[in-house]
Amino acid sequence: MMIHAYKWSKRHVTPVYQVRALKSLFIFLLEQPSQLKYIEWPSFQSTLKTASLTLILMAILIVALASVDSALCYLLALFLRKSP
């Protein structure tokens, strides 16, 4: 017995559902500009601090990963030289 995965086709989507979905999307998009006033935007100083911290942490992570990679490459080369 072979089990087939259910395939979604366009014939399962009724035109009424499509119209309702488009109407809901349209209403959602119309409401979005009024929602922007409720957002608390960060200050420039806060954004600058966050970006600086992110860049510093990424630099530290790059150095740490490069160090581990270098050490593993050295150990691998040492191991391969000693094998018969």
C-alpha atoms as a PDB file:
ATOM      1  CA  MET A   1       0.000   0.000   0.000  1.00  0.00           C
ATOM      2  CA  MET A   2       1.464   3.327  -1.052  1.00  0.00           C
ATOM      3  CA  ILE A   3       0.703   6.497   0.872  1.00  0.00           C
ATOM      4  CA  HIS A   4       0.817   9.714  -1.127  1.00  0.00           C
ATOM      5  CA  ALA A   5       1.369  13.137   0.325  1.00  0.00           C
ATOM      6  CA  TYR A   6      -1.614  15.437   0.010  1.00  0.00           C
ATOM      7  CA  LYS A   7      -1.017  17.945  -2.751  1.00  0.00           C
ATOM      8  CA  TRP A   8      -2.686  21.333  -2.567  1.00  0.00           C
ATOM      9  CA  SER A   9      -4.161  22.440  -5.814  1.00  0.00           C
ATOM     10  CA  LYS A  10      -5.985  25.575  -6.893  1.00  0.00           C
ATOM     11  CA  ARG A  11      -9.278  23.751  -7.206  1.00  0.00           C
ATOM     12  CA  HIS A  12      -9.476  23.442  -3.399  1.00  0.00           C
ATOM     13  CA  VAL A  13      -9.444  27.227  -2.915  1.00  0.00           C
ATOM     14  CA  THR A  14     -12.896  28.664  -3.429  1.00  0.00           C
ATOM     15  CA  PRO A  15     -13.305  32.121  -4.955  1.00  0.00           C
ATOM     16  CA  VAL A  16     -15.226  33.230  -1.837  1.00  0.00           C
ATOM     17  CA  TYR A  17     -12.210  32.402   0.329  1.00  0.00           C
ATOM     18  CA  GLN A  18      -9.910  34.290  -2.018  1.00  0.00           C
ATOM     19  CA  VAL A  19     -12.112  37.407  -1.876  1.00  0.00           C
ATOM     20  CA  ARG A  20     -12.307  37.209   1.922  1.00  0.00           C
ATOM     21  CA  ALA A  21      -8.533  36.830   2.189  1.00  0.00           C
ATOM     22  CA  LEU A  22      -7.902  39.805  -0.074  1.00  0.00           C
ATOM     23  CA  LYS A  23     -10.393  41.902   1.891  1.00  0.00           C
ATOM     24  CA  SER A  24      -8.673  41.014   5.177  1.00  0.00           C
ATOM     25  CA  LEU A  25      -5.278  41.863   3.691  1.00  0.00           C
ATOM     26  CA  PHE A  26      -6.573  45.190   2.409  1.00  0.00           C
ATOM     27  CA  ILE A  27      -8.030  46.107   5.819  1.00  0.00           C
ATOM     28  CA  PHE A  28      -4.784  45.112   7.536  1.00  0.00           C
ATOM     29  CA  LEU A  29      -2.720  47.312   5.211  1.00  0.00           C
ATOM     30  CA  LEU A  30      -5.062  50.265   5.725  1.00  0.00           C
ATOM     31  CA  GLU A  31      -4.660  50.065   9.508  1.00  0.00           C
ATOM     32  CA  GLN A  32      -0.862  50.020   9.511  1.00  0.00           C
ATOM     33  CA  PRO A  33      -0.107  53.782   9.219  1.00  0.00           C
ATOM     34  CA  SER A  34      -2.192  54.495  12.327  1.00  0.00           C
ATOM     35  CA  GLN A  35      -0.222  51.844  14.251  1.00  0.00           C
ATOM     36  CA  LEU A  36       3.089  53.639  13.643  1.00  0.00           C
ATOM     37  CA  LYS A  37       2.303  56.269  16.291  1.00  0.00           C
ATOM     38  CA  TYR A  38       2.232  53.565  18.992  1.00  0.00           C
ATOM     39  CA  ILE A  39       5.799  52.454  18.295  1.00  0.00           C
ATOM     40  CA  GLU A  40       8.472  53.754  20.627  1.00  0.00           C
ATOM     41  CA  TRP A  41      11.415  54.448  18.360  1.00  0.00           C
ATOM     42  CA  PRO A  42      14.910  54.265  19.917  1.00  0.00           C
ATOM     43  CA  SER A  43      17.015  57.399  20.135  1.00  0.00           C
ATOM     44  CA  PHE A  44      20.058  57.898  17.938  1.00  0.00           C
ATOM     45  CA  GLN A  45      22.387  57.413  20.926  1.00  0.00           C
ATOM     46  CA  SER A  46      20.704  54.154  21.867  1.00  0.00           C
ATOM     47  CA  THR A  47      20.945  52.904  18.288  1.00  0.00           C
ATOM     48  CA  LEU A  48      24.608  53.903  18.110  1.00  0.00           C
ATOM     49  CA  LYS A  49      25.405  52.080  21.374  1.00  0.00           C
ATOM     50  CA  THR A  50      23.605  48.941  20.254  1.00  0.00           C
ATOM     51  CA  ALA A  51      25.315  48.938  16.857  1.00  0.00           C
ATOM     52  CA  SER A  52      28.726  49.498  18.462  1.00  0.00           C
ATOM     53  CA  LEU A  53      28.193  46.682  20.930  1.00  0.00           C
ATOM     54  CA  THR A  54      27.113  44.370  18.118  1.00  0.00           C
ATOM     55  CA  LEU A  55      30.198  45.187  16.032  1.00  0.00           C
ATOM     56  CA  ILE A  56      32.529  44.691  19.014  1.00  0.00           C
ATOM     57  CA  LEU A  57      30.957  41.347  19.914  1.00  0.00           C
ATOM     58  CA  MET A  58      31.160  40.169  16.301  1.00  0.00           C
ATOM     59  CA  ALA A  59      34.854  41.124  16.148  1.00  0.00           C
ATOM     60  CA  ILE A  60      35.503  39.150  19.362  1.00  0.00           C
ATOM     61  CA  LEU A  61      33.578  36.176  17.973  1.00  0.00           C
ATOM     62  CA  ILE A  62      35.557  36.280  14.716  1.00  0.00           C
ATOM     63  CA  VAL A  63      38.861  36.307  16.608  1.00  0.00           C
ATOM     64  CA  ALA A  64      37.729  33.441  18.870  1.00  0.00           C
ATOM     65  CA  LEU A  65      36.524  31.275  15.977  1.00  0.00           C
ATOM     66  CA  ALA A  66      39.642  32.001  13.927  1.00  0.00           C
ATOM     67  CA  SER A  67      41.794  30.996  16.928  1.00  0.00           C
ATOM     68  CA  VAL A  68      39.920  27.714  17.391  1.00  0.00           C
ATOM     69  CA  ASP A  69      40.128  27.021  13.645  1.00  0.00           C
ATOM     70  CA  SER A  70      43.855  27.734  13.639  1.00  0.00           C
ATOM     71  CA  ALA A  71      44.449  25.492  16.638  1.00  0.00           C
ATOM     72  CA  LEU A  72      42.448  22.647  15.091  1.00  0.00           C
ATOM     73  CA  CYS A  73      44.330  22.996  11.789  1.00  0.00           C
ATOM     74  CA  TYR A  74      47.629  22.845  13.676  1.00  0.00           C
ATOM     75  CA  LEU A  75      46.534  19.736  15.618  1.00  0.00           C
ATOM     76  CA  LEU A  76      45.318  18.061  12.440  1.00  0.00           C
ATOM     77  CA  ALA A  77      48.599  18.764  10.657  1.00  0.00           C
ATOM     78  CA  LEU A  78      50.527  17.451  13.671  1.00  0.00           C
ATOM     79  CA  PHE A  79      48.383  14.307  13.793  1.00  0.00           C
ATOM     80  CA  LEU A  80      48.735  13.636  10.051  1.00  0.00           C
ATOM     81  CA  ARG A  81      52.523  14.005  10.174  1.00  0.00           C
ATOM     82  CA  LYS A  82      52.810  11.363  12.912  1.00  0.00           C
ATOM     83  CA  SER A  83      50.645   8.771  11.149  1.00  0.00           C
ATOM     84  CA  PRO A  84      52.487   6.033   9.270  1.00  0.00           C
END
